[in-house]
Amino acid sequence: MNAASTAVTYAAASHPSHQKVVTSGWDFEATLERLRQGVAEKDMWVIQEINPQMLLERGGYSILPARQLLFFHPRYVARLLATDPSAVAEIPLKLVVMQMPDDSVTVRHNDVESLFGRYPGLAALASELSEISQDLMKTVAQAG
């Protein structure tokens, strides 16, 4: 940590209706690894892994471990383009993994059916992607 870093004090997290959240049964690194493996097992691709902890450190702030896993697969992009190209703005999907001040690890994602349900003709795809996201959350919701 940079000597000039300012530690960020976390507020209590809200529970917006457009997000799904679980508390992981695993530590931070094990949660990330299980999610990465789960994405691969669902035949999806991790497009990018963003490290907000590192980025904030560059800006002079320190936070607890945090990552954003962006994932998707080209076959779904093709389906979106064939149904409603405007829905491409909703991808890739994202999982946010955060260690909280009480040492718990939370995983959040936007409600996929809410994201894609706003577009005509995407109900079936929304349901399919929602199931994938829910299955990923289940991989960390229980300790092994």
C-alpha atoms as a PDB file:
ATOM      1  CA  MET A   1       0.000   0.000   0.000  1.00  0.00           C
ATOM      2  CA  ASN A   2       1.246   3.475  -0.895  1.00  0.00           C
ATOM      3  CA  ALA A   3       2.099   5.544   2.186  1.00  0.00           C
ATOM      4  CA  ALA A   4      -0.213   8.279   0.893  1.00  0.00           C
ATOM      5  CA  SER A   5      -3.193   5.937   0.413  1.00  0.00           C
ATOM      6  CA  THR A   6      -6.478   6.784   2.081  1.00  0.00           C
ATOM      7  CA  ALA A   7      -8.387   3.780   3.407  1.00  0.00           C
ATOM      8  CA  VAL A   8     -11.985   3.735   2.186  1.00  0.00           C
ATOM      9  CA  THR A   9     -14.610   3.143   4.873  1.00  0.00           C
ATOM     10  CA  TYR A  10     -17.368   0.911   3.534  1.00  0.00           C
ATOM     11  CA  ALA A  11     -21.016   1.835   3.961  1.00  0.00           C
ATOM     12  CA  ALA A  12     -23.660  -0.795   4.583  1.00  0.00           C
ATOM     13  CA  ALA A  13     -24.528  -2.434   1.263  1.00  0.00           C
ATOM     14  CA  SER A  14     -28.035  -1.943  -0.076  1.00  0.00           C
ATOM     15  CA  HIS A  15     -30.005  -4.746  -1.709  1.00  0.00           C
ATOM     16  CA  PRO A  16     -31.333  -3.337  -4.995  1.00  0.00           C
ATOM     17  CA  SER A  17     -33.981  -5.429  -6.700  1.00  0.00           C
ATOM     18  CA  HIS A  18     -32.011  -5.480  -9.978  1.00  0.00           C
ATOM     19  CA  GLN A  19     -29.073  -7.327  -8.375  1.00  0.00           C
ATOM     20  CA  LYS A  20     -28.532 -10.847  -7.123  1.00  0.00           C
ATOM     21  CA  VAL A  21     -26.097 -11.371  -4.247  1.00  0.00           C
ATOM     22  CA  VAL A  22     -24.660 -14.298  -2.317  1.00  0.00           C
ATOM     23  CA  THR A  23     -22.209 -14.512   0.521  1.00  0.00           C
ATOM     24  CA  SER A  24     -19.513 -16.947  -0.477  1.00  0.00           C
ATOM     25  CA  GLY A  25     -18.656 -19.926   1.653  1.00  0.00           C
ATOM     26  CA  TRP A  26     -15.041 -19.504   0.503  1.00  0.00           C
ATOM     27  CA  ASP A  27     -12.252 -16.980   1.040  1.00  0.00           C
ATOM     28  CA  PHE A  28     -11.622 -14.310  -1.596  1.00  0.00           C
ATOM     29  CA  GLU A  29      -9.077 -16.181  -3.732  1.00  0.00           C
ATOM     30  CA  ALA A  30     -10.977 -19.482  -3.590  1.00  0.00           C
ATOM     31  CA  THR A  31     -14.183 -17.655  -4.572  1.00  0.00           C
ATOM     32  CA  LEU A  32     -12.464 -16.157  -7.611  1.00  0.00           C
ATOM     33  CA  GLU A  33     -11.012 -19.497  -8.632  1.00  0.00           C
ATOM     34  CA  ARG A  34     -14.354 -21.291  -8.299  1.00  0.00           C
ATOM     35  CA  LEU A  35     -16.062 -18.602 -10.396  1.00  0.00           C
ATOM     36  CA  ARG A  36     -13.368 -18.736 -13.103  1.00  0.00           C
ATOM     37  CA  GLN A  37     -13.718 -22.521 -13.243  1.00  0.00           C
ATOM     38  CA  GLY A  38     -17.505 -22.245 -13.276  1.00  0.00           C
ATOM     39  CA  VAL A  39     -17.425 -19.822 -16.222  1.00  0.00           C
ATOM     40  CA  ALA A  40     -15.250 -22.276 -18.169  1.00  0.00           C
ATOM     41  CA  GLU A  41     -17.487 -25.225 -17.217  1.00  0.00           C
ATOM     42  CA  LYS A  42     -20.496 -23.296 -18.563  1.00  0.00           C
ATOM     43  CA  ASP A  43     -18.608 -22.958 -21.873  1.00  0.00           C
ATOM     44  CA  MET A  44     -18.365 -19.210 -21.405  1.00  0.00           C
ATOM     45  CA  TRP A  45     -15.271 -17.013 -21.701  1.00  0.00           C
ATOM     46  CA  VAL A  46     -13.796 -14.683 -19.094  1.00  0.00           C
ATOM     47  CA  ILE A  47     -13.417 -11.622 -21.308  1.00  0.00           C
ATOM     48  CA  GLN A  48     -11.667  -9.455 -18.719  1.00  0.00           C
ATOM     49  CA  GLU A  49     -10.793  -9.490 -15.055  1.00  0.00           C
ATOM     50  CA  ILE A  50     -10.721  -6.007 -13.564  1.00  0.00           C
ATOM     51  CA  ASN A  51      -8.905  -5.328 -10.302  1.00  0.00           C
ATOM     52  CA  PRO A  52     -10.571  -2.300  -8.648  1.00  0.00           C
ATOM     53  CA  GLN A  53      -8.282  -2.681  -5.621  1.00  0.00           C
ATOM     54  CA  MET A  54      -5.227  -2.023  -7.814  1.00  0.00           C
ATOM     55  CA  LEU A  55      -6.922   0.799  -9.710  1.00  0.00           C
ATOM     56  CA  LEU A  56      -7.975   2.591  -6.541  1.00  0.00           C
ATOM     57  CA  GLU A  57      -4.486   2.139  -5.105  1.00  0.00           C
ATOM     58  CA  ARG A  58      -3.131   3.997  -8.139  1.00  0.00           C
ATOM     59  CA  GLY A  59      -5.520   6.812  -7.288  1.00  0.00           C
ATOM     60  CA  GLY A  60      -4.382   6.982  -3.675  1.00  0.00           C
ATOM     61  CA  TYR A  61      -7.115   4.858  -2.045  1.00  0.00           C
ATOM     62  CA  SER A  62      -6.943   1.487  -0.374  1.00  0.00           C
ATOM     63  CA  ILE A  63      -9.813  -0.995  -0.371  1.00  0.00           C
ATOM     64  CA  LEU A  64     -10.241  -4.626   0.497  1.00  0.00           C
ATOM     65  CA  PRO A  65      -9.777  -7.232  -2.267  1.00  0.00           C
ATOM     66  CA  ALA A  66     -12.231  -6.787  -5.131  1.00  0.00           C
ATOM     67  CA  ARG A  67     -12.523  -8.121  -8.678  1.00  0.00           C
ATOM     68  CA  GLN A  68     -14.926  -7.798 -11.562  1.00  0.00           C
ATOM     69  CA  LEU A  69     -15.165 -10.843 -13.826  1.00  0.00           C
ATOM     70  CA  LEU A  70     -16.616  -9.966 -17.224  1.00  0.00           C
ATOM     71  CA  PHE A  71     -17.802 -13.024 -19.133  1.00  0.00           C
ATOM     72  CA  PHE A  72     -19.769 -13.992 -22.204  1.00  0.00           C
ATOM     73  CA  HIS A  73     -19.478 -16.100 -25.375  1.00  0.00           C
ATOM     74  CA  PRO A  74     -19.640 -15.164 -29.084  1.00  0.00           C
ATOM     75  CA  ARG A  75     -22.566 -17.546 -29.732  1.00  0.00           C
ATOM     76  CA  TYR A  76     -24.737 -15.328 -27.510  1.00  0.00           C
ATOM     77  CA  VAL A  77     -23.548 -12.167 -29.258  1.00  0.00           C
ATOM     78  CA  ALA A  78     -24.626 -13.716 -32.567  1.00  0.00           C
ATOM     79  CA  ARG A  79     -28.061 -14.482 -31.108  1.00  0.00           C
ATOM     80  CA  LEU A  80     -28.410 -10.952 -29.738  1.00  0.00           C
ATOM     81  CA  LEU A  81     -27.460  -9.405 -33.067  1.00  0.00           C
ATOM     82  CA  ALA A  82     -29.964 -11.626 -34.882  1.00  0.00           C
ATOM     83  CA  THR A  83     -32.772 -10.676 -32.463  1.00  0.00           C
ATOM     84  CA  ASP A  84     -32.125  -7.096 -31.322  1.00  0.00           C
ATOM     85  CA  PRO A  85     -28.716  -5.457 -31.844  1.00  0.00           C
ATOM     86  CA  SER A  86     -29.503  -2.793 -29.247  1.00  0.00           C
ATOM     87  CA  ALA A  87     -29.221  -5.470 -26.522  1.00  0.00           C
ATOM     88  CA  VAL A  88     -25.475  -5.762 -27.172  1.00  0.00           C
ATOM     89  CA  ALA A  89     -25.117  -2.794 -24.805  1.00  0.00           C
ATOM     90  CA  GLU A  90     -25.915  -5.203 -21.926  1.00  0.00           C
ATOM     91  CA  ILE A  91     -22.890  -7.448 -22.483  1.00  0.00           C
ATOM     92  CA  PRO A  92     -20.579  -8.835 -21.280  1.00  0.00           C
ATOM     93  CA  LEU A  93     -22.149 -10.114 -18.079  1.00  0.00           C
ATOM     94  CA  LYS A  94     -20.314  -9.246 -14.874  1.00  0.00           C
ATOM     95  CA  LEU A  95     -19.706 -10.811 -11.485  1.00  0.00           C
ATOM     96  CA  VAL A  96     -18.432  -8.515  -8.732  1.00  0.00           C
ATOM     97  CA  VAL A  97     -16.455 -10.232  -5.975  1.00  0.00           C
ATOM     98  CA  MET A  98     -15.720  -8.195  -2.855  1.00  0.00           C
ATOM     99  CA  GLN A  99     -14.189  -8.939   0.485  1.00  0.00           C
ATOM    100  CA  MET A 100     -16.187  -7.031   3.058  1.00  0.00           C
ATOM    101  CA  PRO A 101     -14.939  -5.448   6.314  1.00  0.00           C
ATOM    102  CA  ASP A 102     -16.278  -8.407   8.329  1.00  0.00           C
ATOM    103  CA  ASP A 103     -14.060 -10.714   6.168  1.00  0.00           C
ATOM    104  CA  SER A 104     -17.070 -12.177   4.356  1.00  0.00           C
ATOM    105  CA  VAL A 105     -16.884 -12.360   0.567  1.00  0.00           C
ATOM    106  CA  THR A 106     -19.875 -11.286  -1.484  1.00  0.00           C
ATOM    107  CA  VAL A 107     -20.614 -11.967  -5.135  1.00  0.00           C
ATOM    108  CA  ARG A 108     -23.072  -9.755  -7.021  1.00  0.00           C
ATOM    109  CA  HIS A 109     -24.418  -9.576 -10.539  1.00  0.00           C
ATOM    110  CA  ASN A 110     -27.192  -7.695 -12.254  1.00  0.00           C
ATOM    111  CA  ASP A 111     -30.440  -9.613 -12.671  1.00  0.00           C
ATOM    112  CA  VAL A 112     -29.943 -10.996 -16.175  1.00  0.00           C
ATOM    113  CA  GLU A 113     -33.649 -11.424 -16.899  1.00  0.00           C
ATOM    114  CA  SER A 114     -34.202  -7.764 -16.019  1.00  0.00           C
ATOM    115  CA  LEU A 115     -31.373  -6.732 -18.352  1.00  0.00           C
ATOM    116  CA  PHE A 116     -32.519  -8.662 -21.394  1.00  0.00           C
ATOM    117  CA  GLY A 117     -36.230  -8.851 -20.605  1.00  0.00           C
ATOM    118  CA  ARG A 118     -36.559  -5.223 -21.696  1.00  0.00           C
ATOM    119  CA  TYR A 119     -35.877  -6.210 -25.304  1.00  0.00           C
ATOM    120  CA  PRO A 120     -38.459  -7.829 -27.588  1.00  0.00           C
ATOM    121  CA  GLY A 121     -37.817 -11.430 -28.490  1.00  0.00           C
ATOM    122  CA  LEU A 122     -35.106 -12.059 -25.879  1.00  0.00           C
ATOM    123  CA  ALA A 123     -37.098 -13.787 -23.112  1.00  0.00           C
ATOM    124  CA  ALA A 124     -35.705 -17.259 -23.900  1.00  0.00           C
ATOM    125  CA  LEU A 125     -32.121 -16.013 -24.139  1.00  0.00           C
ATOM    126  CA  ALA A 126     -32.590 -14.003 -20.939  1.00  0.00           C
ATOM    127  CA  SER A 127     -33.780 -17.129 -19.155  1.00  0.00           C
ATOM    128  CA  GLU A 128     -30.840 -19.173 -20.467  1.00  0.00           C
ATOM    129  CA  LEU A 129     -28.253 -16.564 -19.418  1.00  0.00           C
ATOM    130  CA  SER A 130     -29.975 -16.080 -16.076  1.00  0.00           C
ATOM    131  CA  GLU A 131     -29.686 -19.802 -15.368  1.00  0.00           C
ATOM    132  CA  ILE A 132     -25.957 -19.678 -16.133  1.00  0.00           C
ATOM    133  CA  SER A 133     -25.486 -16.717 -13.776  1.00  0.00           C
ATOM    134  CA  GLN A 134     -27.501 -18.394 -11.029  1.00  0.00           C
ATOM    135  CA  ASP A 135     -25.479 -21.592 -11.389  1.00  0.00           C
ATOM    136  CA  LEU A 136     -22.256 -19.592 -11.067  1.00  0.00           C
ATOM    137  CA  MET A 137     -23.534 -18.004  -7.859  1.00  0.00           C
ATOM    138  CA  LYS A 138     -24.375 -21.462  -6.504  1.00  0.00           C
ATOM    139  CA  THR A 139     -20.766 -22.596  -6.997  1.00  0.00           C
ATOM    140  CA  VAL A 140     -19.654 -20.228  -4.244  1.00  0.00           C
ATOM    141  CA  ALA A 141     -22.749 -20.037  -2.061  1.00  0.00           C
ATOM    142  CA  GLN A 142     -21.757 -23.185  -0.161  1.00  0.00           C
ATOM    143  CA  ALA A 143     -18.477 -24.124   1.459  1.00  0.00           C
ATOM    144  CA  GLY A 144     -16.898 -27.389   0.422  1.00  0.00           C
END
